[in-house]
Structure formats: structure tokens, C-alpha cells
Amino acid sequence: MSHLCGIPARAGGGSVRTDFHISLQGSLVIEASKIHDITLGQDTGDNSWYPEEEPPRTGGSILDVEINCKYDGNSIERKTIISFDGAMSQWMRWGLDNIGNKSLGSNSWWRNLNTFSDQVSSSEKQNGRVDNSELSSLETHLRGSKSDLKSFLSSGLMIDPEAVFGVDPVDFGPLEISIDLGASRAFNSDSISLRVSSTYYVSDSGSRQALIEDFVRPGGYDFWDKVGLSFEIRTGMLSGFGGIYLDNEEIDYSHRRWILMEIITMESSDIESDTDFRMEFGAENALLFSPLISAMISVFALCLALGIGMALTRRRTRAPSMIMIGVLGVLSLSIYWFGLPMPIVLGVVSSSILLVFPASVISPVVEDSGVQRNSNKGGMVRCPSCGKKVPVESDIRPLRIDCPACESTLRIE
């Protein structure tokens, strides 16, 4: 089956002819045409397509969830934007325009807003568009009780609130909720955005804290044709993650650590219906594992290992210990930046202090080098017995010094 239609070039609209061409089995072809009067513009038209009963939520909708978080070591500030269009958008617009409608079905979620019927004037009810009073009624209802927010997400949008927020919304602090209907308030399938902002405390008892998991409820993919996710959480310089744990290797995420911040991002434009995932982080030792403190500990440990290596190789070749410290330093920087668990980073830099001892001990002794490192500006003389150079550390003349190689006594006039 195919159909063709054309919109008039002029902005005001006009008559549009629609041609239908249906090919059945064999050579049977059905053709039909119809002319429609269309008015183009925002919130215009005669609203002739307006169902008397609550429209179904099935029929094709796209869900996009964008989450931005900030972790300070004690709490998480979370901003969530839930955007959707299609049949779910029509269901929500129709429900807002039918606040107080006595003919709503017994299972309709919109019966929860009947208490706000007096706040909507009779001229605004069932007028084919969402008015400010109707939109304000829903926002007030969702802000008034966190249980109402859970009910709207789970029963209305088929989204698991605890999965999309990381915690039960009951644990939220003060809520900020706003709804954006886009450019049009009319009954249509344009995108709607629900914004939820709040802060909640994180337990530091050593247990893991959930960040995000598969949030579409069982059966929810009957309503959503496509589900996308954009997730980001960042910290300050004095708070960090003990470790990131994701139970599904098919889900990609990025973890980067700088001195001033630590960032975790997860992007997926199309989450499959059979995809199960859960991301958590370790909330213990947030200060110790912070980007700044951990970087300072790493630099201090490498400098300490360097100092120990220099002291232990005064009379030995320094190349083995210096190469070992350099390799561990580069390795520590790499795993620090790529966001590996902080205990691994600190373990690598600590190992540089321990490994410098055997690396220095096995280094070969260099006698000439050892003599030169301990010499000063007094000059050198060659021993006539063994030919080794002996440092002269005094300006007193005559001077007697012993050769450290052959133990001969030299006299300098």
C-alpha cells in the first residue's frame, strides 16, 4: 500500500489531495483519492481529530533519558530529563486536557488529578489543547508527593523510578519538577520533556551505590519502540570513586580521571529490550580516592622511590633502578588517567618503593663512579702504586692521604 500527498507551498495551508494505491494478490489494484482542507500553524485548526476516550499508549514512541550528576563525596546532585513522543505524548496531552473528566476509566491514571478539577476553568477543559492551569496541576501533583512521582513514572510511562534515579525517590531531598510541551500545546505527538532535579545522600558504610540500571519496566517495550540513554556523573577534586562496577560487558562506558575532576559517561542510542545492566560505584574513602589527593600520593611515592634509589646506588650503576621507577611512573599515570580502580593505582606507585631496593642491590658496583660522586672541588691525584685516582679534599700542605684501592699512603707537598 502507498499513499501520496502534497502540502501547499504557501504558509497558510489550503486543499491537499491524498492518493491511495493498494495492490492485493494477483493483479487486483484499489485506488482512491480524497481532498483535505489543512490549516498550517501553531496551535491552529479545528481539532477535528480528538478522541473522546483515552487514547492508547501503544503505537510507536521514542524514549530518551538524559542524566547529569555531580558527586561531592557525601551526596549526589542529579538532574534527569525524560523525553518522549508518539502515542505516549498523545496520551499525556489528552490526559492533561481531561482533568476532572468524570467519564475516565476506573484504571486511568489521570483520575489521580480529579482533585485539581476546580483549578481548571470550564472553558479550558477538553478544548483540544493543554492550558497553563492543566500543566501546573500535574507539576504540583508530582512535586507534592514523591509517591505520586513514582506512580506516574511506573504506571504511566512504564519506567522504573528507582532504576532511573539510582535510589528510591522517597530518599530525595526537595524536588524540582518541570514539564516542557515543546512548541505546540495542541493534541499531537510532538516531543514532551519531563525534568526532575534533586539531591540525595550517599552512604559511606562500604556498600556500593547504584548509579543507573535498565529502567524500562517489564512489558514497557510494548509502549517504547526505541530507548536511548545519555548518562554522566562527575566529581570535584576532593571526591572520587573507589571503583566502578558494571555487570554487562556489552554496555560501553568511559571513565576518565584528571587532577581536578573524575568523569564517567555512558551513551546508548538504542537499548535492546533484552539488555540488562546495572552500574554501581564504591562510595568508601571518597577523599583518599579523590583525583587531587591520589595524584599527590602518587607523586610523593614516586619521588620517595627516586630518592631511595639515588641513595642506594651511590657506588652502583643507577640505570636499572631509574628505568624501573620510570616504567612504574608511566604505568601509574596511564591507569590513573584511564580510570582504573584507585586501589590499583595506589598499589602500583607503592610497589615502586618496594621494588627499588632489589633493583638497587643487584646493580653492579662502579668504583670510579663511586669515587667521583664523593669528590669535591679539591682536585684528584693518581696513585703511583695502583694508578687509581684519589680525591684531594683539603688545601693543607703538606698532606698525607690514603689510597682507598691499594691502601698506600700518598704525600702531597
Protein backbone atom coordinates (compact mmCIF):
# COMPACT_ATOMS: atom_id res chain seq x y z
CA MET A 1 0.00 0.00 0.00
CA SER A 2 1.24 3.51 -0.73
CA HIS A 3 -0.19 7.00 -0.47
CA LEU A 4 0.96 10.39 -1.70
CA CYS A 5 0.05 13.85 -0.52
CA GLY A 6 1.44 17.33 -1.02
CA ILE A 7 1.42 20.36 1.28
CA PRO A 8 0.78 23.69 -0.47
CA ALA A 9 3.83 25.92 -0.69
CA ARG A 10 2.08 28.90 0.92
CA ALA A 11 2.33 29.00 4.74
CA GLY A 12 -1.38 29.34 5.35
CA GLY A 13 -2.22 25.85 4.09
CA GLY A 14 -5.05 25.02 1.70
CA SER A 15 -6.55 21.99 -0.03
CA VAL A 16 -4.45 18.83 -0.14
CA ARG A 17 -5.22 15.83 -2.29
CA THR A 18 -4.25 12.39 -0.97
CA ASP A 19 -3.95 9.46 -3.37
CA PHE A 20 -4.07 5.85 -2.11
CA HIS A 21 -2.78 2.90 -4.14
CA ILE A 22 -3.37 -0.62 -2.72
CA SER A 23 -2.03 -3.71 -4.51
CA LEU A 24 -3.50 -7.03 -3.41
CA GLN A 25 -2.75 -10.56 -4.59
CA GLY A 26 -2.54 -11.01 -8.31
CA SER A 27 -3.50 -8.05 -10.42
CA LEU A 28 -6.15 -6.60 -8.12
CA VAL A 29 -5.47 -2.90 -7.53
CA ILE A 30 -7.56 -0.47 -5.48
CA GLU A 31 -7.08 3.24 -5.97
CA ALA A 32 -8.76 6.11 -4.14
CA SER A 33 -8.23 9.81 -3.57
CA LYS A 34 -9.52 12.40 -1.13
CA ILE A 35 -9.15 16.15 -0.73
CA HIS A 36 -8.49 17.60 2.74
CA ASP A 37 -8.54 21.22 3.91
CA ILE A 38 -5.43 21.79 6.02
CA THR A 39 -4.51 24.89 8.04
CA LEU A 40 -0.83 25.24 8.89
CA GLY A 41 0.41 26.99 12.03
CA GLN A 42 0.96 26.60 15.73
CA ASP A 43 -1.99 25.53 17.92
CA THR A 44 -4.38 26.10 14.98
CA GLY A 45 -7.02 24.04 13.25
CA ASP A 46 -10.48 22.85 14.24
CA ASN A 47 -9.21 19.96 16.42
CA SER A 48 -11.39 17.56 14.44
CA TRP A 49 -9.05 14.69 15.34
CA TYR A 50 -9.61 14.50 19.08
CA PRO A 51 -10.61 11.16 20.63
CA GLU A 52 -13.47 11.09 23.10
CA GLU A 53 -11.86 8.23 25.03
CA GLU A 54 -8.38 7.98 26.49
CA PRO A 55 -6.00 7.10 23.62
CA PRO A 56 -3.78 4.03 23.92
CA ARG A 57 -0.13 4.43 24.83
CA THR A 58 0.95 1.82 22.31
CA GLY A 59 1.52 2.66 18.69
CA GLY A 60 5.13 3.80 18.49
CA SER A 61 7.03 6.14 20.80
CA ILE A 62 10.69 7.02 21.28
CA LEU A 63 12.08 7.45 24.81
CA ASP A 64 15.28 9.40 25.54
CA VAL A 65 16.68 9.75 29.05
CA GLU A 66 19.45 12.25 29.81
CA ILE A 67 21.04 12.22 33.28
CA ASN A 68 23.67 14.59 34.65
CA CYS A 69 25.05 14.07 38.17
CA LYS A 70 27.61 15.69 40.44
CA TYR A 71 29.14 13.79 43.37
CA ASP A 72 30.81 15.67 46.24
CA GLY A 73 31.72 12.71 48.43
CA ASN A 74 28.60 12.91 50.60
CA SER A 75 25.70 13.46 48.23
CA ILE A 76 24.74 13.32 44.57
CA GLU A 77 23.03 16.18 42.77
CA ARG A 78 21.02 14.58 39.97
CA LYS A 79 19.27 16.21 37.01
CA THR A 80 17.15 13.91 34.86
CA ILE A 81 15.38 14.75 31.59
CA ILE A 82 12.87 12.21 30.27
CA SER A 83 11.77 12.98 26.70
CA PHE A 84 9.23 11.07 24.64
CA ASP A 85 6.95 11.50 21.66
CA GLY A 86 4.46 9.50 19.63
CA ALA A 87 1.50 7.74 21.19
CA MET A 88 2.79 8.37 24.73
CA SER A 89 2.86 12.11 24.04
CA GLN A 90 -0.74 11.97 22.76
CA TRP A 91 -1.81 10.06 25.87
CA MET A 92 -0.27 12.67 28.17
CA ARG A 93 -1.66 15.67 26.28
CA TRP A 94 -5.14 14.14 26.22
CA GLY A 95 -4.95 13.31 29.93
CA LEU A 96 -3.93 16.86 30.88
CA ASP A 97 -6.81 18.26 28.83
CA ASN A 98 -9.25 15.90 30.57
CA ILE A 99 -8.54 16.72 34.23
CA GLY A 100 -11.80 16.23 36.08
CA ASN A 101 -13.41 14.21 33.28
CA LYS A 102 -15.98 12.01 35.05
CA SER A 103 -16.01 9.51 32.20
CA LEU A 104 -12.41 8.39 32.72
CA GLY A 105 -11.99 4.66 33.09
CA SER A 106 -11.50 3.17 36.53
CA ASN A 107 -7.93 2.18 35.64
CA SER A 108 -6.98 5.53 34.13
CA TRP A 109 -4.01 7.16 35.84
CA TRP A 110 -5.48 10.60 35.14
CA ARG A 111 -8.19 10.04 37.76
CA ASN A 112 -5.44 10.95 40.27
CA LEU A 113 -5.75 14.58 39.13
CA ASN A 114 -9.51 14.89 39.68
CA THR A 115 -8.79 16.82 42.89
CA PHE A 116 -7.38 19.62 40.72
CA SER A 117 -10.60 19.90 38.68
CA ASP A 118 -11.66 23.11 40.45
CA GLN A 119 -8.36 24.79 39.47
CA VAL A 120 -9.13 24.40 35.76
CA SER A 121 -11.83 26.61 34.29
CA SER A 122 -14.64 25.02 32.32
CA SER A 123 -13.51 26.80 29.14
CA GLU A 124 -10.09 25.15 29.39
CA LYS A 125 -11.38 21.61 29.87
CA GLN A 126 -11.40 19.35 26.81
CA ASN A 127 -10.63 22.21 24.45
CA GLY A 128 -8.10 20.24 22.42
CA ARG A 129 -5.01 21.86 23.93
CA VAL A 130 -3.05 21.88 27.20
CA ASP A 131 -3.53 25.11 29.15
CA ASN A 132 -1.22 26.54 31.81
CA SER A 133 -3.58 25.62 34.63
CA GLU A 134 -3.68 21.99 33.50
CA LEU A 135 0.10 21.78 33.17
CA SER A 136 0.55 23.41 36.57
CA SER A 137 -1.84 20.88 38.12
CA LEU A 138 0.34 17.96 37.04
CA GLU A 139 3.57 19.64 38.17
CA THR A 140 2.05 20.41 41.57
CA HIS A 141 0.78 16.85 41.88
CA LEU A 142 4.20 15.36 41.14
CA ARG A 143 6.02 17.76 43.48
CA GLY A 144 3.53 17.33 46.29
CA SER A 145 4.30 13.68 46.95
CA LYS A 146 7.26 11.59 45.86
CA SER A 147 4.94 8.59 45.79
CA ASP A 148 2.88 10.36 43.12
CA LEU A 149 6.04 10.83 41.05
CA LYS A 150 6.79 7.11 41.39
CA SER A 151 3.22 6.29 40.34
CA PHE A 152 3.34 8.50 37.24
CA LEU A 153 6.66 7.05 36.07
CA SER A 154 5.89 3.40 36.80
CA SER A 155 2.18 3.22 35.94
CA GLY A 156 2.05 5.98 33.35
CA LEU A 157 5.36 5.96 31.49
CA MET A 158 6.35 2.34 32.31
CA ILE A 159 9.69 3.49 33.79
CA ASP A 160 11.17 2.05 36.97
CA PRO A 161 11.79 5.12 39.19
CA GLU A 162 14.46 3.52 41.39
CA ALA A 163 16.36 2.28 38.33
CA VAL A 164 16.41 5.61 36.51
CA PHE A 165 17.20 7.67 39.64
CA GLY A 166 19.60 5.24 41.32
CA VAL A 167 17.63 5.41 44.59
CA ASP A 168 14.03 5.33 45.70
CA PRO A 169 12.59 8.83 45.04
CA VAL A 170 11.36 8.78 48.65
CA ASP A 171 15.00 9.37 49.65
CA PHE A 172 15.19 12.53 47.57
CA GLY A 173 15.58 15.96 49.11
CA PRO A 174 13.45 18.87 47.80
CA LEU A 175 12.22 18.18 44.28
CA GLU A 176 12.25 20.48 41.28
CA ILE A 177 9.92 19.27 38.51
CA SER A 178 9.02 20.97 35.25
CA ILE A 179 7.32 19.82 32.06
CA ASP A 180 8.08 21.18 28.60
CA LEU A 181 5.49 20.51 25.89
CA GLY A 182 7.64 22.00 23.15
CA ALA A 183 6.39 24.43 20.55
CA SER A 184 2.78 23.20 20.50
CA ARG A 185 0.20 22.78 23.24
CA ALA A 186 -2.29 21.11 20.89
CA PHE A 187 -3.24 17.44 20.90
CA ASN A 188 -0.48 15.86 18.82
CA SER A 189 2.51 13.54 19.06
CA ASP A 190 5.25 16.16 19.47
CA SER A 191 8.01 15.55 21.98
CA ILE A 192 7.45 16.21 25.71
CA SER A 193 10.25 16.63 28.26
CA LEU A 194 9.92 15.92 31.98
CA ARG A 195 12.73 17.44 34.09
CA VAL A 196 13.40 16.19 37.61
CA SER A 197 16.16 17.67 39.80
CA SER A 198 17.04 16.70 43.35
CA THR A 199 19.85 15.76 45.76
CA TYR A 200 20.23 12.65 47.89
CA TYR A 201 22.86 11.48 50.39
CA VAL A 202 25.19 8.56 49.73
CA SER A 203 26.02 6.06 52.44
CA ASP A 204 29.75 5.63 53.16
CA SER A 205 29.33 2.34 55.03
CA GLY A 206 31.32 0.47 52.39
CA SER A 207 28.33 -0.72 50.36
CA ARG A 208 28.02 0.01 46.67
CA GLN A 209 25.83 2.84 45.42
CA ALA A 210 23.72 2.32 42.28
CA LEU A 211 24.08 4.92 39.54
CA ILE A 212 21.87 3.64 36.71
CA GLU A 213 20.35 0.37 35.54
CA ASP A 214 17.91 -0.83 32.89
CA PHE A 215 14.92 1.34 33.68
CA VAL A 216 12.12 0.17 31.35
CA ARG A 217 9.65 -1.92 33.32
CA PRO A 218 8.73 -5.45 32.18
CA GLY A 219 6.31 -5.05 29.30
CA GLY A 220 7.42 -1.47 28.75
CA TYR A 221 8.86 -2.20 25.33
CA ASP A 222 5.27 -2.74 24.16
CA PHE A 223 4.99 1.04 24.54
CA TRP A 224 8.52 2.15 23.56
CA ASP A 225 9.85 1.40 20.08
CA LYS A 226 13.27 2.87 20.84
CA VAL A 227 15.01 3.74 24.11
CA GLY A 228 18.11 5.95 24.36
CA LEU A 229 20.29 6.87 27.33
CA SER A 230 22.86 9.60 27.97
CA PHE A 231 24.43 9.40 31.43
CA GLU A 232 27.22 11.45 33.01
CA ILE A 233 28.49 11.82 36.55
CA ARG A 234 31.46 13.93 37.62
CA THR A 235 33.23 14.69 40.88
CA GLY A 236 35.28 17.56 42.27
CA MET A 237 38.99 17.43 43.03
CA LEU A 238 38.42 16.24 46.63
CA SER A 239 35.95 13.40 45.99
CA GLY A 240 36.32 10.26 43.95
CA PHE A 241 35.05 6.77 43.23
CA GLY A 242 36.51 3.73 44.95
CA GLY A 243 35.67 1.65 41.88
CA ILE A 244 33.13 1.34 39.06
CA TYR A 245 31.20 -1.89 38.67
CA LEU A 246 29.12 -2.76 35.58
CA ASP A 247 27.57 -6.21 35.28
CA ASN A 248 27.13 -6.19 31.49
CA GLU A 249 30.23 -6.12 29.27
CA GLU A 250 28.12 -5.30 26.20
CA ILE A 251 27.39 -1.85 27.61
CA ASP A 252 30.22 0.62 26.91
CA TYR A 253 31.14 3.45 29.23
CA SER A 254 34.03 5.88 29.56
CA HIS A 255 35.88 6.63 32.81
CA ARG A 256 38.47 9.42 32.86
CA ARG A 257 40.34 10.91 35.78
CA TRP A 258 42.03 14.32 35.84
CA ILE A 259 43.57 16.16 38.77
CA LEU A 260 40.56 18.49 39.03
CA MET A 261 37.75 16.03 38.37
CA GLU A 262 36.67 12.49 37.59
CA ILE A 263 34.06 11.80 34.88
CA ILE A 264 32.03 8.72 33.95
CA THR A 265 29.89 8.75 30.80
CA MET A 266 27.59 6.18 29.20
CA GLU A 267 25.93 6.69 25.81
CA SER A 268 23.49 4.36 24.06
CA SER A 269 21.12 5.43 21.30
CA ASP A 270 19.15 2.17 21.17
CA ILE A 271 18.92 -0.09 24.22
CA GLU A 272 17.57 -3.51 23.30
CA SER A 273 14.60 -4.92 25.19
CA ASP A 274 16.63 -7.89 26.46
CA THR A 275 19.54 -5.77 27.72
CA ASP A 276 20.02 -5.92 31.49
CA PHE A 277 22.67 -3.76 33.11
CA ARG A 278 23.46 -2.11 36.43
CA MET A 279 26.25 0.38 37.16
CA GLU A 280 27.46 0.96 40.71
CA PHE A 281 30.39 2.68 42.41
CA GLY A 282 32.24 2.24 45.67
CA ALA A 283 31.45 5.14 47.97
CA GLU A 284 34.08 4.42 50.65
CA ASN A 285 37.25 6.55 51.06
CA ALA A 286 35.93 9.27 48.78
CA LEU A 287 38.59 11.75 49.97
CA LEU A 288 41.53 9.33 49.77
CA PHE A 289 40.49 8.22 46.28
CA SER A 290 39.82 11.77 45.06
CA PRO A 291 41.70 12.90 41.92
CA LEU A 292 43.82 15.51 43.72
CA ILE A 293 44.76 13.52 46.84
CA SER A 294 45.53 10.36 44.87
CA ALA A 295 47.68 12.33 42.43
CA MET A 296 49.63 13.88 45.32
CA ILE A 297 50.16 10.45 46.92
CA SER A 298 51.36 9.04 43.61
CA VAL A 299 53.84 11.86 43.01
CA PHE A 300 55.14 11.64 46.59
CA ALA A 301 55.60 7.85 46.35
CA LEU A 302 57.50 8.12 43.06
CA CYS A 303 59.73 10.89 44.43
CA LEU A 304 60.41 8.82 47.53
CA ALA A 305 61.31 5.81 45.39
CA LEU A 306 63.61 8.04 43.31
CA GLY A 307 65.36 9.36 46.43
CA ILE A 308 65.84 5.88 47.86
CA GLY A 309 67.21 4.66 44.54
CA MET A 310 69.69 7.54 44.35
CA ALA A 311 70.89 6.89 47.91
CA LEU A 312 71.31 3.12 47.41
CA THR A 313 73.23 3.48 44.15
CA ARG A 314 75.95 5.92 45.21
CA ARG A 315 78.60 3.36 44.25
CA ARG A 316 76.47 1.34 41.81
CA THR A 317 75.02 1.66 38.34
CA ARG A 318 71.79 3.65 38.56
CA ALA A 319 70.28 2.62 35.24
CA PRO A 320 68.28 -0.44 36.47
CA SER A 321 66.59 1.33 39.39
CA MET A 322 65.91 4.53 37.40
CA ILE A 323 64.42 2.56 34.48
CA MET A 324 62.22 0.59 36.89
CA ILE A 325 60.96 3.78 38.58
CA GLY A 326 60.31 5.41 35.18
CA VAL A 327 58.33 2.44 33.88
CA LEU A 328 56.19 2.28 37.02
CA GLY A 329 55.66 6.04 36.84
CA VAL A 330 54.37 5.85 33.25
CA LEU A 331 52.19 2.85 34.17
CA SER A 332 50.75 4.71 37.17
CA LEU A 333 49.93 7.75 35.02
CA SER A 334 48.21 5.57 32.41
CA ILE A 335 45.97 3.65 34.80
CA TYR A 336 45.24 6.88 36.70
CA TRP A 337 44.01 8.62 33.55
CA PHE A 338 42.08 5.63 32.19
CA GLY A 339 40.09 5.45 35.42
CA LEU A 340 41.14 2.06 36.76
CA PRO A 341 40.13 1.46 40.39
CA MET A 342 42.11 3.71 42.69
CA PRO A 343 43.43 0.83 44.88
CA ILE A 344 45.23 -0.46 41.78
CA VAL A 345 46.75 2.97 41.09
CA LEU A 346 47.99 3.35 44.66
CA GLY A 347 49.21 -0.24 44.64
CA VAL A 348 51.39 0.38 41.56
CA VAL A 349 53.01 3.53 42.96
CA SER A 350 53.59 1.80 46.30
CA SER A 351 55.30 -1.09 44.54
CA SER A 352 57.84 1.34 43.11
CA ILE A 353 59.10 2.00 46.67
CA LEU A 354 59.42 -1.70 47.41
CA LEU A 355 60.98 -2.72 44.10
CA VAL A 356 63.66 -0.04 44.21
CA PHE A 357 65.50 -2.00 46.94
CA PRO A 358 66.17 -5.20 44.96
CA ALA A 359 66.78 -3.18 41.77
CA SER A 360 69.50 -1.19 43.56
CA VAL A 361 71.08 -4.24 45.24
CA ILE A 362 71.51 -6.19 42.00
CA SER A 363 73.05 -3.18 40.21
CA PRO A 364 76.81 -3.70 39.57
CA VAL A 365 79.35 -1.72 41.58
CA VAL A 366 81.22 1.03 39.70
CA GLU A 367 84.35 2.01 41.67
CA ASP A 368 85.41 5.02 39.60
CA SER A 369 81.87 6.34 39.60
CA GLY A 370 81.64 5.98 43.32
CA VAL A 371 84.86 7.92 43.86
CA GLN A 372 83.78 10.70 41.52
CA ARG A 373 80.37 11.09 43.17
CA ASN A 374 82.03 11.68 46.57
CA SER A 375 84.67 14.10 45.30
CA ASN A 376 84.62 17.85 45.69
CA LYS A 377 86.47 20.76 44.16
CA GLY A 378 89.80 19.85 45.87
CA GLY A 379 91.05 18.01 42.76
CA MET A 380 92.27 14.48 42.03
CA VAL A 381 95.73 12.77 42.15
CA ARG A 382 96.73 9.46 40.66
CA CYS A 383 98.16 6.81 42.99
CA PRO A 384 101.64 5.77 41.69
CA SER A 385 101.16 2.24 43.06
CA CYS A 386 97.80 1.21 41.53
CA GLY A 387 97.03 4.05 39.14
CA LYS A 388 93.63 4.85 40.69
CA LYS A 389 92.54 8.47 41.10
CA VAL A 390 92.26 9.67 44.69
CA PRO A 391 90.26 12.79 45.64
CA VAL A 392 92.04 15.60 47.46
CA GLU A 393 89.63 17.08 50.00
CA SER A 394 91.89 19.58 51.79
CA ASP A 395 94.06 22.58 50.88
CA ILE A 396 96.56 21.90 53.70
CA ARG A 397 100.11 21.24 52.54
CA PRO A 398 101.93 19.00 53.05
CA LEU A 399 99.08 16.49 53.10
CA ARG A 400 99.01 12.75 53.61
CA ILE A 401 96.08 10.76 52.19
CA ASP A 402 95.40 7.05 51.83
CA CYS A 403 94.54 5.40 48.54
CA PRO A 404 91.18 3.54 49.01
CA ALA A 405 92.17 0.98 46.37
CA CYS A 406 95.63 -0.23 47.46
CA GLU A 407 95.80 1.43 50.91
CA SER A 408 99.12 3.15 50.03
CA THR A 409 99.89 6.46 51.73
CA LEU A 410 100.37 9.40 49.41
CA ARG A 411 102.20 12.62 50.38
CA ILE A 412 101.30 15.86 48.63
CA GLU A 413 103.67 18.85 49.02
